[in-house]
């Protein structure tokens, strides 16, 4: 995951996909049990759909084709996330408190375009 995030920071294009992506697809069954998450479950697919809806609505980008994520996009996404305007998927997500904590800390420990870098 760290390598993928570093590649995105260097300009690797991303594409939002339905179902397991390059990160989730690389998890073993043991990894999925440990984090209580399975990218192929119907519930997870619905949370992903809601999250994509929010991101596309905010950025207006066509994520059906590869898009380069830049620092200005990340700043806008973080501001909207902190303001809770793109968190419709979070209502049922078991990671919501963890993500809320990261936002409350100003995303200082994030690896993609850390705010203090």
N, C-alpha and C. Protein backbone atom coordinates (compact mmCIF):
# COMPACT_ATOMS: atom_id res chain seq x y z
N UNK A 1 0.82 -1.18 0.00
CA UNK A 1 0.00 0.00 0.00
C UNK A 1 0.87 1.26 0.00
N UNK A 2 1.93 1.24 0.78
CA UNK A 2 2.83 2.39 0.85
C UNK A 2 3.43 2.71 -0.52
N UNK A 3 3.82 1.67 -1.25
CA UNK A 3 4.39 1.87 -2.58
C UNK A 3 3.37 2.47 -3.55
N UNK A 4 2.13 2.02 -3.48
CA UNK A 4 1.09 2.54 -4.36
C UNK A 4 0.82 4.01 -4.05
N UNK A 5 0.75 4.35 -2.78
CA UNK A 5 0.52 5.75 -2.39
C UNK A 5 1.68 6.62 -2.88
N UNK A 6 2.91 6.13 -2.73
CA UNK A 6 4.07 6.89 -3.21
C UNK A 6 3.99 7.09 -4.72
N UNK A 7 3.59 6.05 -5.45
CA UNK A 7 3.45 6.17 -6.90
C UNK A 7 2.38 7.20 -7.28
N UNK A 8 1.27 7.22 -6.56
CA UNK A 8 0.21 8.20 -6.81
C UNK A 8 0.75 9.61 -6.58
N UNK A 9 1.53 9.78 -5.52
CA UNK A 9 2.14 11.08 -5.23
C UNK A 9 3.10 11.54 -6.31
N UNK A 10 3.68 10.58 -7.01
CA UNK A 10 4.61 10.89 -8.11
C UNK A 10 3.89 11.02 -9.45
N UNK A 11 2.55 10.93 -9.44
CA UNK A 11 1.80 11.13 -10.67
C UNK A 11 1.22 9.89 -11.30
N UNK A 12 1.23 8.76 -10.61
CA UNK A 12 0.61 7.55 -11.16
C UNK A 12 -0.88 7.79 -11.30
N UNK A 13 -1.43 7.62 -12.48
CA UNK A 13 -2.88 7.80 -12.65
C UNK A 13 -3.67 6.75 -11.87
N UNK A 14 -4.83 7.14 -11.39
CA UNK A 14 -5.71 6.20 -10.70
C UNK A 14 -7.02 6.11 -11.47
N UNK A 15 -7.70 5.01 -11.28
CA UNK A 15 -9.01 4.81 -11.87
C UNK A 15 -9.89 4.18 -10.80
N UNK A 16 -11.05 4.75 -10.58
CA UNK A 16 -11.97 4.17 -9.61
C UNK A 16 -12.65 2.98 -10.25
N UNK A 17 -12.57 1.85 -9.60
CA UNK A 17 -13.11 0.61 -10.14
C UNK A 17 -14.16 0.04 -9.21
N UNK A 18 -15.02 -0.77 -9.77
CA UNK A 18 -16.03 -1.45 -8.97
C UNK A 18 -15.42 -2.77 -8.51
N UNK A 19 -15.46 -3.01 -7.22
CA UNK A 19 -14.90 -4.24 -6.68
C UNK A 19 -13.47 -4.04 -6.22
N UNK A 20 -12.79 -5.13 -5.88
CA UNK A 20 -11.43 -5.04 -5.35
C UNK A 20 -10.48 -4.31 -6.30
N UNK A 21 -9.71 -3.39 -5.73
CA UNK A 21 -8.74 -2.63 -6.52
C UNK A 21 -7.34 -3.20 -6.30
N UNK A 22 -6.32 -2.47 -6.72
CA UNK A 22 -4.94 -2.95 -6.61
C UNK A 22 -4.53 -3.16 -5.16
N UNK A 23 -5.07 -2.37 -4.26
CA UNK A 23 -4.72 -2.53 -2.84
C UNK A 23 -5.51 -3.69 -2.24
N UNK A 24 -6.82 -3.64 -2.35
CA UNK A 24 -7.67 -4.66 -1.74
C UNK A 24 -7.44 -6.03 -2.37
N UNK A 25 -7.22 -6.05 -3.67
CA UNK A 25 -6.99 -7.32 -4.36
C UNK A 25 -5.72 -8.01 -3.91
N UNK A 26 -4.81 -7.24 -3.33
CA UNK A 26 -3.55 -7.82 -2.87
C UNK A 26 -3.60 -8.37 -1.46
N UNK A 27 -4.72 -8.20 -0.78
CA UNK A 27 -4.85 -8.72 0.59
C UNK A 27 -5.11 -10.22 0.58
N UNK A 28 -4.49 -10.89 1.51
CA UNK A 28 -4.75 -12.32 1.68
C UNK A 28 -6.04 -12.49 2.49
N UNK A 29 -6.56 -13.69 2.51
CA UNK A 29 -7.76 -13.97 3.32
C UNK A 29 -7.49 -13.63 4.78
N UNK A 30 -6.28 -13.91 5.24
CA UNK A 30 -5.91 -13.61 6.63
C UNK A 30 -5.91 -12.09 6.87
N UNK A 31 -5.39 -11.33 5.90
CA UNK A 31 -5.41 -9.87 6.02
C UNK A 31 -6.84 -9.35 6.12
N UNK A 32 -7.73 -9.89 5.26
CA UNK A 32 -9.12 -9.43 5.26
C UNK A 32 -9.81 -9.75 6.59
N UNK A 33 -9.51 -10.92 7.15
CA UNK A 33 -10.08 -11.26 8.46
C UNK A 33 -9.54 -10.33 9.53
N UNK A 34 -8.26 -10.02 9.48
CA UNK A 34 -7.62 -9.18 10.50
C UNK A 34 -8.20 -7.78 10.51
N UNK A 35 -8.53 -7.24 9.33
CA UNK A 35 -9.07 -5.88 9.29
C UNK A 35 -10.59 -5.88 9.16
N UNK A 36 -11.20 -7.07 9.20
CA UNK A 36 -12.65 -7.21 9.13
C UNK A 36 -13.20 -6.47 7.92
N UNK A 37 -12.61 -6.74 6.76
CA UNK A 37 -12.99 -6.03 5.55
C UNK A 37 -12.84 -6.96 4.35
N UNK A 38 -13.83 -6.96 3.50
CA UNK A 38 -13.75 -7.74 2.27
C UNK A 38 -14.31 -6.88 1.14
N UNK A 39 -13.44 -6.51 0.22
CA UNK A 39 -13.80 -5.59 -0.87
C UNK A 39 -14.87 -6.14 -1.80
N UNK A 40 -15.11 -7.44 -1.79
CA UNK A 40 -16.07 -8.02 -2.72
C UNK A 40 -17.47 -8.19 -2.11
N UNK A 41 -17.63 -7.88 -0.83
CA UNK A 41 -18.94 -8.03 -0.18
C UNK A 41 -19.89 -6.94 -0.68
N UNK A 42 -21.16 -7.27 -0.75
CA UNK A 42 -22.17 -6.32 -1.22
C UNK A 42 -22.17 -5.03 -0.39
N UNK A 43 -22.03 -5.15 0.90
CA UNK A 43 -22.01 -3.97 1.79
C UNK A 43 -20.83 -3.06 1.45
N UNK A 44 -19.68 -3.65 1.22
CA UNK A 44 -18.49 -2.86 0.88
C UNK A 44 -18.66 -2.20 -0.48
N UNK A 45 -19.21 -2.92 -1.43
CA UNK A 45 -19.45 -2.34 -2.76
C UNK A 45 -20.39 -1.14 -2.68
N UNK A 46 -21.40 -1.22 -1.80
CA UNK A 46 -22.33 -0.10 -1.64
C UNK A 46 -21.62 1.10 -0.99
N UNK A 47 -20.78 0.85 0.01
CA UNK A 47 -20.03 1.94 0.63
C UNK A 47 -19.10 2.59 -0.40
N UNK A 48 -18.46 1.77 -1.22
CA UNK A 48 -17.59 2.29 -2.28
C UNK A 48 -18.38 3.15 -3.26
N UNK A 49 -19.57 2.71 -3.62
CA UNK A 49 -20.40 3.46 -4.57
C UNK A 49 -20.74 4.84 -4.00
N UNK A 50 -21.11 4.88 -2.73
CA UNK A 50 -21.43 6.15 -2.08
C UNK A 50 -20.20 7.06 -2.01
N UNK A 51 -19.05 6.48 -1.70
CA UNK A 51 -17.82 7.27 -1.62
C UNK A 51 -17.46 7.85 -2.99
N UNK A 52 -17.54 7.05 -4.02
CA UNK A 52 -17.24 7.52 -5.37
C UNK A 52 -18.19 8.63 -5.78
N UNK A 53 -19.45 8.47 -5.46
CA UNK A 53 -20.45 9.49 -5.77
C UNK A 53 -20.05 10.84 -5.17
N UNK A 54 -19.60 10.84 -3.93
CA UNK A 54 -19.19 12.07 -3.27
C UNK A 54 -17.96 12.69 -3.89
N UNK A 55 -16.97 11.87 -4.20
CA UNK A 55 -15.73 12.36 -4.78
C UNK A 55 -15.96 12.92 -6.18
N UNK A 56 -16.70 12.21 -6.99
CA UNK A 56 -16.98 12.66 -8.36
C UNK A 56 -17.79 13.96 -8.30
N UNK A 57 -18.75 14.02 -7.39
CA UNK A 57 -19.55 15.24 -7.25
C UNK A 57 -18.70 16.44 -6.85
N UNK A 58 -17.72 16.24 -6.01
CA UNK A 58 -16.86 17.33 -5.56
C UNK A 58 -15.86 17.74 -6.63
N UNK A 59 -15.18 16.77 -7.21
CA UNK A 59 -14.09 17.08 -8.15
C UNK A 59 -14.57 17.23 -9.59
N UNK A 60 -15.71 16.63 -9.91
CA UNK A 60 -16.21 16.71 -11.26
C UNK A 60 -15.34 16.00 -12.29
N UNK A 61 -14.41 15.19 -11.84
CA UNK A 61 -13.52 14.47 -12.76
C UNK A 61 -14.21 13.21 -13.27
N UNK A 62 -13.82 12.79 -14.45
CA UNK A 62 -14.32 11.54 -15.01
C UNK A 62 -13.38 10.42 -14.57
N UNK A 63 -13.76 9.74 -13.51
CA UNK A 63 -12.91 8.71 -12.96
C UNK A 63 -13.10 7.35 -13.64
N UNK A 64 -13.84 7.32 -14.74
CA UNK A 64 -13.95 6.06 -15.49
C UNK A 64 -12.71 5.87 -16.36
N UNK A 65 -11.90 6.91 -16.46
CA UNK A 65 -10.61 6.83 -17.14
C UNK A 65 -9.54 7.21 -16.12
N UNK A 66 -8.32 6.78 -16.31
CA UNK A 66 -7.26 7.12 -15.34
C UNK A 66 -7.09 8.63 -15.16
N UNK A 67 -6.97 9.06 -13.91
CA UNK A 67 -6.84 10.47 -13.55
C UNK A 67 -5.62 10.62 -12.64
N UNK A 68 -4.85 11.66 -12.86
CA UNK A 68 -3.73 11.96 -11.96
C UNK A 68 -4.27 12.83 -10.83
N UNK A 69 -4.07 12.36 -9.62
CA UNK A 69 -4.50 13.10 -8.43
C UNK A 69 -3.38 14.05 -8.04
N UNK A 70 -3.69 15.34 -7.95
CA UNK A 70 -2.66 16.29 -7.57
C UNK A 70 -2.95 16.85 -6.17
N UNK A 71 -2.01 17.61 -5.69
CA UNK A 71 -2.12 18.13 -4.32
C UNK A 71 -3.35 19.00 -4.13
N UNK A 72 -3.73 19.80 -5.13
CA UNK A 72 -4.90 20.66 -4.98
C UNK A 72 -6.18 19.83 -4.85
N UNK A 73 -6.26 18.71 -5.55
CA UNK A 73 -7.42 17.82 -5.41
C UNK A 73 -7.48 17.25 -3.99
N UNK A 74 -6.33 16.84 -3.49
CA UNK A 74 -6.28 16.26 -2.15
C UNK A 74 -6.68 17.30 -1.11
N UNK A 75 -6.24 18.54 -1.27
CA UNK A 75 -6.63 19.61 -0.34
C UNK A 75 -8.15 19.79 -0.35
N UNK A 76 -8.76 19.80 -1.53
CA UNK A 76 -10.22 19.95 -1.63
C UNK A 76 -10.94 18.75 -1.01
N UNK A 77 -10.45 17.56 -1.27
CA UNK A 77 -11.06 16.36 -0.70
C UNK A 77 -10.97 16.37 0.82
N UNK A 78 -9.82 16.74 1.35
CA UNK A 78 -9.66 16.78 2.81
C UNK A 78 -10.56 17.81 3.45
N UNK A 79 -10.69 18.98 2.82
CA UNK A 79 -11.57 20.02 3.37
C UNK A 79 -13.02 19.53 3.38
N UNK A 80 -13.45 18.91 2.29
CA UNK A 80 -14.83 18.40 2.22
C UNK A 80 -15.05 17.26 3.21
N UNK A 81 -14.05 16.40 3.37
CA UNK A 81 -14.16 15.29 4.31
C UNK A 81 -14.27 15.82 5.73
N UNK A 82 -13.42 16.78 6.06
CA UNK A 82 -13.44 17.37 7.41
C UNK A 82 -14.78 18.04 7.68
N UNK A 83 -15.33 18.69 6.66
CA UNK A 83 -16.63 19.37 6.79
C UNK A 83 -17.80 18.38 6.73
N UNK A 84 -17.49 17.11 6.52
CA UNK A 84 -18.47 16.03 6.45
C UNK A 84 -19.40 16.13 5.24
N UNK A 85 -18.99 16.82 4.20
CA UNK A 85 -19.85 16.94 3.03
C UNK A 85 -19.68 15.80 2.03
N UNK A 86 -18.67 14.98 2.19
CA UNK A 86 -18.51 13.82 1.31
C UNK A 86 -18.38 12.53 2.12
N UNK A 87 -19.15 12.44 3.19
CA UNK A 87 -19.02 11.28 4.07
C UNK A 87 -20.27 10.41 4.12
N UNK A 88 -21.06 10.37 3.07
CA UNK A 88 -22.28 9.55 3.10
C UNK A 88 -21.94 8.07 3.26
N UNK A 89 -20.81 7.63 2.76
CA UNK A 89 -20.42 6.23 2.90
C UNK A 89 -19.97 5.92 4.32
N UNK A 90 -19.62 6.93 5.08
CA UNK A 90 -19.05 6.72 6.42
C UNK A 90 -20.07 6.27 7.46
N UNK A 91 -21.33 6.54 7.20
CA UNK A 91 -22.35 6.23 8.21
C UNK A 91 -22.35 4.77 8.63
N UNK A 92 -22.05 3.88 7.69
CA UNK A 92 -22.08 2.45 8.01
C UNK A 92 -20.70 1.81 7.97
N UNK A 93 -19.67 2.62 7.84
CA UNK A 93 -18.32 2.06 7.70
C UNK A 93 -17.67 1.84 9.07
N UNK A 94 -17.10 0.67 9.29
CA UNK A 94 -16.46 0.40 10.57
C UNK A 94 -15.18 1.21 10.78
N UNK A 95 -14.65 1.83 9.74
CA UNK A 95 -13.43 2.62 9.85
C UNK A 95 -13.73 4.10 10.09
N UNK A 96 -14.97 4.48 10.20
CA UNK A 96 -15.35 5.88 10.28
C UNK A 96 -14.66 6.63 11.42
N UNK A 97 -14.61 6.06 12.61
CA UNK A 97 -13.97 6.74 13.74
C UNK A 97 -12.47 6.95 13.48
N UNK A 98 -11.84 5.95 12.88
CA UNK A 98 -10.41 6.05 12.55
C UNK A 98 -10.18 7.21 11.58
N UNK A 99 -11.00 7.30 10.55
CA UNK A 99 -10.86 8.37 9.55
C UNK A 99 -11.18 9.74 10.15
N UNK A 100 -12.16 9.78 11.04
CA UNK A 100 -12.51 11.03 11.71
C UNK A 100 -11.33 11.52 12.55
N UNK A 101 -10.65 10.61 13.20
CA UNK A 101 -9.46 10.95 14.00
C UNK A 101 -8.35 11.51 13.11
N UNK A 102 -8.13 10.89 11.96
CA UNK A 102 -7.10 11.38 11.03
C UNK A 102 -7.44 12.80 10.58
N UNK A 103 -8.71 13.06 10.26
CA UNK A 103 -9.14 14.39 9.84
C UNK A 103 -8.96 15.39 10.99
N UNK A 104 -9.31 14.99 12.21
CA UNK A 104 -9.19 15.88 13.37
C UNK A 104 -7.74 16.27 13.63
N UNK A 105 -6.81 15.40 13.25
CA UNK A 105 -5.39 15.68 13.41
C UNK A 105 -4.82 16.46 12.23
N UNK A 106 -5.70 16.90 11.33
CA UNK A 106 -5.25 17.68 10.18
C UNK A 106 -4.52 16.86 9.13
N UNK A 107 -4.77 15.55 9.11
CA UNK A 107 -4.17 14.64 8.13
C UNK A 107 -2.65 14.62 8.25
N UNK A 108 -2.13 14.98 9.42
CA UNK A 108 -0.69 15.14 9.59
C UNK A 108 0.11 13.86 9.39
N UNK A 109 -0.49 12.71 9.64
CA UNK A 109 0.26 11.45 9.51
C UNK A 109 -0.02 10.73 8.19
N UNK A 110 -0.68 11.40 7.26
CA UNK A 110 -0.98 10.77 6.00
C UNK A 110 0.27 10.71 5.11
N UNK A 111 0.26 9.79 4.18
CA UNK A 111 1.41 9.60 3.30
C UNK A 111 1.27 10.30 1.97
N UNK A 112 0.05 10.60 1.53
CA UNK A 112 -0.16 11.27 0.25
C UNK A 112 -0.27 12.77 0.49
N UNK A 113 0.71 13.51 0.05
CA UNK A 113 0.76 14.96 0.19
C UNK A 113 0.47 15.39 1.63
N UNK A 114 1.35 15.02 2.58
CA UNK A 114 1.13 15.47 3.96
C UNK A 114 1.04 16.98 4.02
N UNK A 115 0.12 17.53 4.80
CA UNK A 115 -0.10 18.98 4.80
C UNK A 115 1.12 19.79 5.24
N UNK A 116 2.01 19.21 6.01
CA UNK A 116 3.18 19.96 6.51
C UNK A 116 4.44 19.70 5.68
N UNK A 117 4.27 19.04 4.54
CA UNK A 117 5.46 18.71 3.73
C UNK A 117 5.97 19.91 2.97
